[in-house]
Amino acid sequence: MQKSLLTFANTHFAIKAETVLEAAGIVVAPMPLPVKLGGNLCGICLRIPAAETVVAVERLKAAAAPPANVYQIVETAGGKEYVLWPS
């Protein structure tokens, strides 16, 4: 199953996003921010099914907890790549 990764500007948004998505029935897996994505982002990100990405982003924007970035997780022979999702 393909997955998407949602990153956030701060921990407050990440925690609020998890609550909003779970209430919407979207399966959410919190995880540490991959080192490859670093920067000035929160250290918590959320992994969701790729098929739920559009609905999840819409719900989070409506709940005032928008993701900073959305990535598609691509499995490769060398590990995982994070491809910026076209918004």
C-alpha atoms as a PDB file:
ATOM      1  CA  MET A   1       0.000   0.000   0.000  1.00  0.00           C
ATOM      2  CA  GLN A   2       1.334   3.423  -0.928  1.00  0.00           C
ATOM      3  CA  LYS A   3       1.785   5.949   1.857  1.00  0.00           C
ATOM      4  CA  SER A   4       2.050   9.698   2.185  1.00  0.00           C
ATOM      5  CA  LEU A   5       3.947  11.658   4.813  1.00  0.00           C
ATOM      6  CA  LEU A   6       2.633  14.887   6.313  1.00  0.00           C
ATOM      7  CA  THR A   7       5.094  17.270   7.972  1.00  0.00           C
ATOM      8  CA  PHE A   8       4.203  20.175  10.253  1.00  0.00           C
ATOM      9  CA  ALA A   9       5.610  23.534  11.334  1.00  0.00           C
ATOM     10  CA  ASN A  10       5.191  22.721  15.021  1.00  0.00           C
ATOM     11  CA  THR A  11       4.152  20.026  17.481  1.00  0.00           C
ATOM     12  CA  HIS A  12       0.790  21.670  18.164  1.00  0.00           C
ATOM     13  CA  PHE A  13      -0.221  21.252  14.496  1.00  0.00           C
ATOM     14  CA  ALA A  14       1.059  17.647  14.406  1.00  0.00           C
ATOM     15  CA  ILE A  15      -0.955  16.619  17.480  1.00  0.00           C
ATOM     16  CA  LYS A  16      -4.066  18.464  16.325  1.00  0.00           C
ATOM     17  CA  ALA A  17      -3.727  16.891  12.860  1.00  0.00           C
ATOM     18  CA  GLU A  18      -3.556  13.396  14.326  1.00  0.00           C
ATOM     19  CA  THR A  19      -6.786  14.026  16.273  1.00  0.00           C
ATOM     20  CA  VAL A  20      -8.586  15.520  13.238  1.00  0.00           C
ATOM     21  CA  LEU A  21      -7.564  12.683  10.916  1.00  0.00           C
ATOM     22  CA  GLU A  22      -8.446   9.928  13.388  1.00  0.00           C
ATOM     23  CA  ALA A  23     -11.880  11.531  13.890  1.00  0.00           C
ATOM     24  CA  ALA A  24     -12.314  11.428  10.101  1.00  0.00           C
ATOM     25  CA  GLY A  25     -11.560   7.695  10.093  1.00  0.00           C
ATOM     26  CA  ILE A  26      -8.158   8.041   8.426  1.00  0.00           C
ATOM     27  CA  VAL A  27      -5.493   5.619   9.636  1.00  0.00           C
ATOM     28  CA  VAL A  28      -2.625   7.693  11.044  1.00  0.00           C
ATOM     29  CA  ALA A  29       0.845   6.556  12.092  1.00  0.00           C
ATOM     30  CA  PRO A  30       2.888   9.202  13.940  1.00  0.00           C
ATOM     31  CA  MET A  31       6.622   8.891  13.398  1.00  0.00           C
ATOM     32  CA  PRO A  32       9.826  10.880  13.806  1.00  0.00           C
ATOM     33  CA  LEU A  33      10.672  13.238  10.968  1.00  0.00           C
ATOM     34  CA  PRO A  34      13.102  11.491   8.598  1.00  0.00           C
ATOM     35  CA  VAL A  35      16.569  13.049   8.759  1.00  0.00           C
ATOM     36  CA  LYS A  36      16.452  13.592   4.976  1.00  0.00           C
ATOM     37  CA  LEU A  37      13.616  16.085   5.450  1.00  0.00           C
ATOM     38  CA  GLY A  38      15.187  17.990   8.384  1.00  0.00           C
ATOM     39  CA  GLY A  39      15.062  21.756   8.222  1.00  0.00           C
ATOM     40  CA  ASN A  40      12.943  23.908  10.498  1.00  0.00           C
ATOM     41  CA  LEU A  41      10.068  21.462  10.756  1.00  0.00           C
ATOM     42  CA  CYS A  42       8.534  19.774  13.772  1.00  0.00           C
ATOM     43  CA  GLY A  43      10.211  16.477  14.673  1.00  0.00           C
ATOM     44  CA  ILE A  44       6.861  14.646  14.444  1.00  0.00           C
ATOM     45  CA  CYS A  45       5.228  13.735  11.153  1.00  0.00           C
ATOM     46  CA  LEU A  46       2.230  11.596  10.205  1.00  0.00           C
ATOM     47  CA  ARG A  47       2.108   8.703   7.763  1.00  0.00           C
ATOM     48  CA  ILE A  48      -1.245   8.051   6.077  1.00  0.00           C
ATOM     49  CA  PRO A  49      -2.528   5.918   3.185  1.00  0.00           C
ATOM     50  CA  ALA A  50      -1.766   7.731  -0.092  1.00  0.00           C
ATOM     51  CA  ALA A  51      -5.374   7.290  -1.221  1.00  0.00           C
ATOM     52  CA  GLU A  52      -6.468   9.525   1.693  1.00  0.00           C
ATOM     53  CA  THR A  53      -4.040  12.384   0.975  1.00  0.00           C
ATOM     54  CA  VAL A  54      -6.436  14.818  -0.730  1.00  0.00           C
ATOM     55  CA  VAL A  55      -9.160  14.362   1.887  1.00  0.00           C
ATOM     56  CA  ALA A  56      -6.625  14.593   4.733  1.00  0.00           C
ATOM     57  CA  VAL A  57      -5.121  17.856   3.480  1.00  0.00           C
ATOM     58  CA  GLU A  58      -8.571  19.382   2.980  1.00  0.00           C
ATOM     59  CA  ARG A  59      -9.635  18.384   6.507  1.00  0.00           C
ATOM     60  CA  LEU A  60      -6.449  19.736   8.047  1.00  0.00           C
ATOM     61  CA  LYS A  61      -6.712  23.071   6.254  1.00  0.00           C
ATOM     62  CA  ALA A  62     -10.330  23.382   7.434  1.00  0.00           C
ATOM     63  CA  ALA A  63      -9.226  22.592  11.002  1.00  0.00           C
ATOM     64  CA  ALA A  64      -6.450  25.218  10.927  1.00  0.00           C
ATOM     65  CA  ALA A  65      -3.719  22.567  11.210  1.00  0.00           C
ATOM     66  CA  PRO A  66      -2.306  22.503   7.678  1.00  0.00           C
ATOM     67  CA  PRO A  67       0.705  20.350   6.856  1.00  0.00           C
ATOM     68  CA  ALA A  68       3.919  22.224   6.057  1.00  0.00           C
ATOM     69  CA  ASN A  69       4.637  19.723   3.281  1.00  0.00           C
ATOM     70  CA  VAL A  70       3.194  16.511   1.920  1.00  0.00           C
ATOM     71  CA  TYR A  71       5.411  13.770   0.517  1.00  0.00           C
ATOM     72  CA  GLN A  72       4.755  10.557  -1.332  1.00  0.00           C
ATOM     73  CA  ILE A  73       6.829   7.740   0.162  1.00  0.00           C
ATOM     74  CA  VAL A  74       8.565   5.763  -2.579  1.00  0.00           C
ATOM     75  CA  GLU A  75      10.199   2.457  -1.668  1.00  0.00           C
ATOM     76  CA  THR A  76      13.514   1.902  -3.466  1.00  0.00           C
ATOM     77  CA  ALA A  77      16.193  -0.757  -3.310  1.00  0.00           C
ATOM     78  CA  GLY A  78      18.270   1.655  -1.222  1.00  0.00           C
ATOM     79  CA  GLY A  79      15.506   2.552   1.235  1.00  0.00           C
ATOM     80  CA  LYS A  80      12.809   5.198   1.063  1.00  0.00           C
ATOM     81  CA  GLU A  81      12.614   8.359  -0.977  1.00  0.00           C
ATOM     82  CA  TYR A  82      10.292  11.249  -0.147  1.00  0.00           C
ATOM     83  CA  VAL A  83       8.852  12.937  -3.217  1.00  0.00           C
ATOM     84  CA  LEU A  84       7.113  16.276  -2.724  1.00  0.00           C
ATOM     85  CA  TRP A  85       3.422  15.817  -3.434  1.00  0.00           C
ATOM     86  CA  PRO A  86       1.963  18.221  -5.974  1.00  0.00           C
ATOM     87  CA  SER A  87      -0.601  20.298  -4.108  1.00  0.00           C
END
